[in-house]
Amino acid sequence: MGLGVFVGIAPIWGFQILTGLFLAFIFRLNRAIVLISCNISLPPFIPIIIYLSYVFGAVWMGDHALPVTFSFDISLETIKLSLKQYVVGALMLATVAGMASTLISYAVLFLWSKKQLVE
């Protein structure tokens, strides 16, 4: 699940599923689980992912970070200035979310298997 969440958030637009399946094949992971967890970037979640990526990027950019502004005044220049911050933030968010989903799924499966042993 962690790999799927990482690839689903990573800024490789349009190639998340192909990349996830390829990496699942390379690392000999369950392709179905990776494919399902790659779909974290569904349309309702995209604004949240973009916002959090931008915020994470601001942390890593330090003094060069641009503030988060909500405006309809978008130009190619503002996109160019914000792109680096977004990409860095998306990679950091993907890493954190992938690690968190790995730990959570491992804990759930560990507790579930313990419950099965007790019964």
C-alpha atoms as a PDB file:
ATOM      1  CA  MET A   1       0.000   0.000   0.000  1.00  0.00           C
ATOM      2  CA  GLY A   2       2.817   2.376   0.752  1.00  0.00           C
ATOM      3  CA  LEU A   3       4.241   2.148  -2.744  1.00  0.00           C
ATOM      4  CA  GLY A   4       0.813   2.735  -4.278  1.00  0.00           C
ATOM      5  CA  VAL A   5       0.150   5.789  -2.128  1.00  0.00           C
ATOM      6  CA  PHE A   6       3.616   7.158  -2.893  1.00  0.00           C
ATOM      7  CA  VAL A   7       3.172   6.726  -6.639  1.00  0.00           C
ATOM      8  CA  GLY A   8      -0.418   8.056  -6.487  1.00  0.00           C
ATOM      9  CA  ILE A   9       0.721  11.339  -4.920  1.00  0.00           C
ATOM     10  CA  ALA A  10       4.020  11.708  -6.791  1.00  0.00           C
ATOM     11  CA  PRO A  11       3.874  14.381  -9.513  1.00  0.00           C
ATOM     12  CA  ILE A  12       4.064  12.013 -12.483  1.00  0.00           C
ATOM     13  CA  TRP A  13       0.683  12.963 -13.882  1.00  0.00           C
ATOM     14  CA  GLY A  14      -0.886  10.344 -16.088  1.00  0.00           C
ATOM     15  CA  PHE A  15       1.719   7.699 -15.362  1.00  0.00           C
ATOM     16  CA  GLN A  16       0.878   6.769 -11.767  1.00  0.00           C
ATOM     17  CA  ILE A  17      -0.813   3.458 -12.529  1.00  0.00           C
ATOM     18  CA  LEU A  18       1.783   2.347 -15.082  1.00  0.00           C
ATOM     19  CA  THR A  19       4.609   3.302 -12.725  1.00  0.00           C
ATOM     20  CA  GLY A  20       2.906   1.576  -9.800  1.00  0.00           C
ATOM     21  CA  LEU A  21       2.383  -1.644 -11.745  1.00  0.00           C
ATOM     22  CA  PHE A  22       5.951  -1.578 -13.054  1.00  0.00           C
ATOM     23  CA  LEU A  23       7.415  -1.047  -9.567  1.00  0.00           C
ATOM     24  CA  ALA A  24       5.115  -3.709  -8.105  1.00  0.00           C
ATOM     25  CA  PHE A  25       6.440  -6.138 -10.711  1.00  0.00           C
ATOM     26  CA  ILE A  26      10.065  -5.151 -10.024  1.00  0.00           C
ATOM     27  CA  PHE A  27       9.711  -5.419  -6.223  1.00  0.00           C
ATOM     28  CA  ARG A  28       7.443  -8.507  -6.445  1.00  0.00           C
ATOM     29  CA  LEU A  29       4.555  -6.849  -4.626  1.00  0.00           C
ATOM     30  CA  ASN A  30       0.852  -7.559  -4.899  1.00  0.00           C
ATOM     31  CA  ARG A  31      -0.143  -5.705  -8.060  1.00  0.00           C
ATOM     32  CA  ALA A  32      -3.825  -5.458  -7.097  1.00  0.00           C
ATOM     33  CA  ILE A  33      -3.074  -3.738  -3.789  1.00  0.00           C
ATOM     34  CA  VAL A  34      -0.608  -1.358  -5.430  1.00  0.00           C
ATOM     35  CA  LEU A  35      -3.130  -0.576  -8.186  1.00  0.00           C
ATOM     36  CA  ILE A  36      -5.933   0.130  -5.708  1.00  0.00           C
ATOM     37  CA  SER A  37      -3.747   2.318  -3.496  1.00  0.00           C
ATOM     38  CA  CYS A  38      -2.423   4.237  -6.541  1.00  0.00           C
ATOM     39  CA  ASN A  39      -5.908   5.653  -6.938  1.00  0.00           C
ATOM     40  CA  ILE A  40      -5.508   8.009  -3.989  1.00  0.00           C
ATOM     41  CA  SER A  41      -5.398  10.876  -6.475  1.00  0.00           C
ATOM     42  CA  LEU A  42      -9.105  10.731  -7.286  1.00  0.00           C
ATOM     43  CA  PRO A  43     -10.745  14.035  -8.251  1.00  0.00           C
ATOM     44  CA  PRO A  44     -12.227  14.799  -4.790  1.00  0.00           C
ATOM     45  CA  PHE A  45      -8.776  14.474  -3.204  1.00  0.00           C
ATOM     46  CA  ILE A  46      -6.769  16.387  -5.822  1.00  0.00           C
ATOM     47  CA  PRO A  47      -7.281  19.872  -4.291  1.00  0.00           C
ATOM     48  CA  ILE A  48      -6.236  18.534  -0.880  1.00  0.00           C
ATOM     49  CA  ILE A  49      -3.167  16.805  -2.329  1.00  0.00           C
ATOM     50  CA  ILE A  50      -2.129  19.915  -4.269  1.00  0.00           C
ATOM     51  CA  TYR A  51      -2.595  22.179  -1.237  1.00  0.00           C
ATOM     52  CA  LEU A  52      -0.678  19.852   1.101  1.00  0.00           C
ATOM     53  CA  SER A  53       2.068  19.438  -1.505  1.00  0.00           C
ATOM     54  CA  TYR A  54       2.415  23.184  -1.753  1.00  0.00           C
ATOM     55  CA  VAL A  55       2.543  23.516   2.055  1.00  0.00           C
ATOM     56  CA  PHE A  56       5.127  20.718   2.367  1.00  0.00           C
ATOM     57  CA  GLY A  57       7.140  22.421  -0.368  1.00  0.00           C
ATOM     58  CA  ALA A  58       7.074  25.683   1.579  1.00  0.00           C
ATOM     59  CA  VAL A  59       8.686  23.909   4.531  1.00  0.00           C
ATOM     60  CA  TRP A  60      11.498  22.572   2.358  1.00  0.00           C
ATOM     61  CA  MET A  61      12.008  25.735   0.312  1.00  0.00           C
ATOM     62  CA  GLY A  62      12.688  27.843   3.395  1.00  0.00           C
ATOM     63  CA  ASP A  63      13.232  31.525   2.556  1.00  0.00           C
ATOM     64  CA  HIS A  64      12.491  30.931  -1.127  1.00  0.00           C
ATOM     65  CA  ALA A  65       8.972  29.641  -0.426  1.00  0.00           C
ATOM     66  CA  LEU A  66       5.997  31.466  -1.827  1.00  0.00           C
ATOM     67  CA  PRO A  67       2.974  32.015   0.434  1.00  0.00           C
ATOM     68  CA  VAL A  68      -0.193  30.078  -0.241  1.00  0.00           C
ATOM     69  CA  THR A  69      -2.623  32.436  -1.939  1.00  0.00           C
ATOM     70  CA  PHE A  70      -6.054  31.690  -3.291  1.00  0.00           C
ATOM     71  CA  SER A  71      -6.613  33.852  -6.307  1.00  0.00           C
ATOM     72  CA  PHE A  72      -8.111  33.657  -9.782  1.00  0.00           C
ATOM     73  CA  ASP A  73      -5.185  35.687 -11.116  1.00  0.00           C
ATOM     74  CA  ILE A  74      -3.176  32.759 -12.461  1.00  0.00           C
ATOM     75  CA  SER A  75      -0.607  33.181 -15.194  1.00  0.00           C
ATOM     76  CA  LEU A  76       2.205  31.105 -16.617  1.00  0.00           C
ATOM     77  CA  GLU A  77       4.629  33.181 -14.553  1.00  0.00           C
ATOM     78  CA  THR A  78       2.905  32.308 -11.253  1.00  0.00           C
ATOM     79  CA  ILE A  79       2.793  28.651 -12.261  1.00  0.00           C
ATOM     80  CA  LYS A  80       6.487  28.714 -13.126  1.00  0.00           C
ATOM     81  CA  LEU A  81       7.360  30.278  -9.781  1.00  0.00           C
ATOM     82  CA  SER A  82       5.233  27.791  -7.847  1.00  0.00           C
ATOM     83  CA  LEU A  83       6.123  24.623  -9.748  1.00  0.00           C
ATOM     84  CA  LYS A  84       9.393  23.860  -7.948  1.00  0.00           C
ATOM     85  CA  GLN A  85       7.771  24.316  -4.551  1.00  0.00           C
ATOM     86  CA  TYR A  86       4.878  22.055  -5.581  1.00  0.00           C
ATOM     87  CA  VAL A  87       7.090  19.285  -6.995  1.00  0.00           C
ATOM     88  CA  VAL A  88       9.384  19.219  -3.960  1.00  0.00           C
ATOM     89  CA  GLY A  89       6.365  19.265  -1.658  1.00  0.00           C
ATOM     90  CA  ALA A  90       4.588  16.531  -3.604  1.00  0.00           C
ATOM     91  CA  LEU A  91       7.608  14.249  -3.325  1.00  0.00           C
ATOM     92  CA  MET A  92       7.859  14.940   0.417  1.00  0.00           C
ATOM     93  CA  LEU A  93       4.114  14.432   0.919  1.00  0.00           C
ATOM     94  CA  ALA A  94       4.242  11.227  -1.134  1.00  0.00           C
ATOM     95  CA  THR A  95       7.096   9.930   1.021  1.00  0.00           C
ATOM     96  CA  VAL A  96       5.368  10.752   4.307  1.00  0.00           C
ATOM     97  CA  ALA A  97       1.983   9.432   3.160  1.00  0.00           C
ATOM     98  CA  GLY A  98       3.550   6.267   1.739  1.00  0.00           C
ATOM     99  CA  MET A  99       5.409   5.563   4.963  1.00  0.00           C
ATOM    100  CA  ALA A 100       2.317   6.301   7.054  1.00  0.00           C
ATOM    101  CA  SER A 101       0.105   4.018   4.960  1.00  0.00           C
ATOM    102  CA  THR A 102       2.723   1.274   5.172  1.00  0.00           C
ATOM    103  CA  LEU A 103       2.870   1.511   8.958  1.00  0.00           C
ATOM    104  CA  ILE A 104      -0.910   1.731   9.351  1.00  0.00           C
ATOM    105  CA  SER A 105      -1.596  -1.214   7.038  1.00  0.00           C
ATOM    106  CA  TYR A 106       1.112  -3.259   8.750  1.00  0.00           C
ATOM    107  CA  ALA A 107      -0.354  -2.484  12.196  1.00  0.00           C
ATOM    108  CA  VAL A 108      -3.891  -3.342  11.061  1.00  0.00           C
ATOM    109  CA  LEU A 109      -2.779  -6.631   9.507  1.00  0.00           C
ATOM    110  CA  PHE A 110      -0.659  -7.467  12.572  1.00  0.00           C
ATOM    111  CA  LEU A 111      -3.579  -6.870  14.938  1.00  0.00           C
ATOM    112  CA  TRP A 112      -5.965  -8.733  12.657  1.00  0.00           C
ATOM    113  CA  SER A 113      -3.662 -11.759  12.476  1.00  0.00           C
ATOM    114  CA  LYS A 114      -3.268 -11.759  16.272  1.00  0.00           C
ATOM    115  CA  LYS A 115      -7.049 -11.694  16.626  1.00  0.00           C
ATOM    116  CA  GLN A 116      -7.320 -14.666  14.264  1.00  0.00           C
ATOM    117  CA  LEU A 117      -4.800 -16.623  16.359  1.00  0.00           C
ATOM    118  CA  VAL A 118      -6.703 -15.982  19.589  1.00  0.00           C
ATOM    119  CA  GLU A 119     -10.012 -17.193  18.170  1.00  0.00           C
END
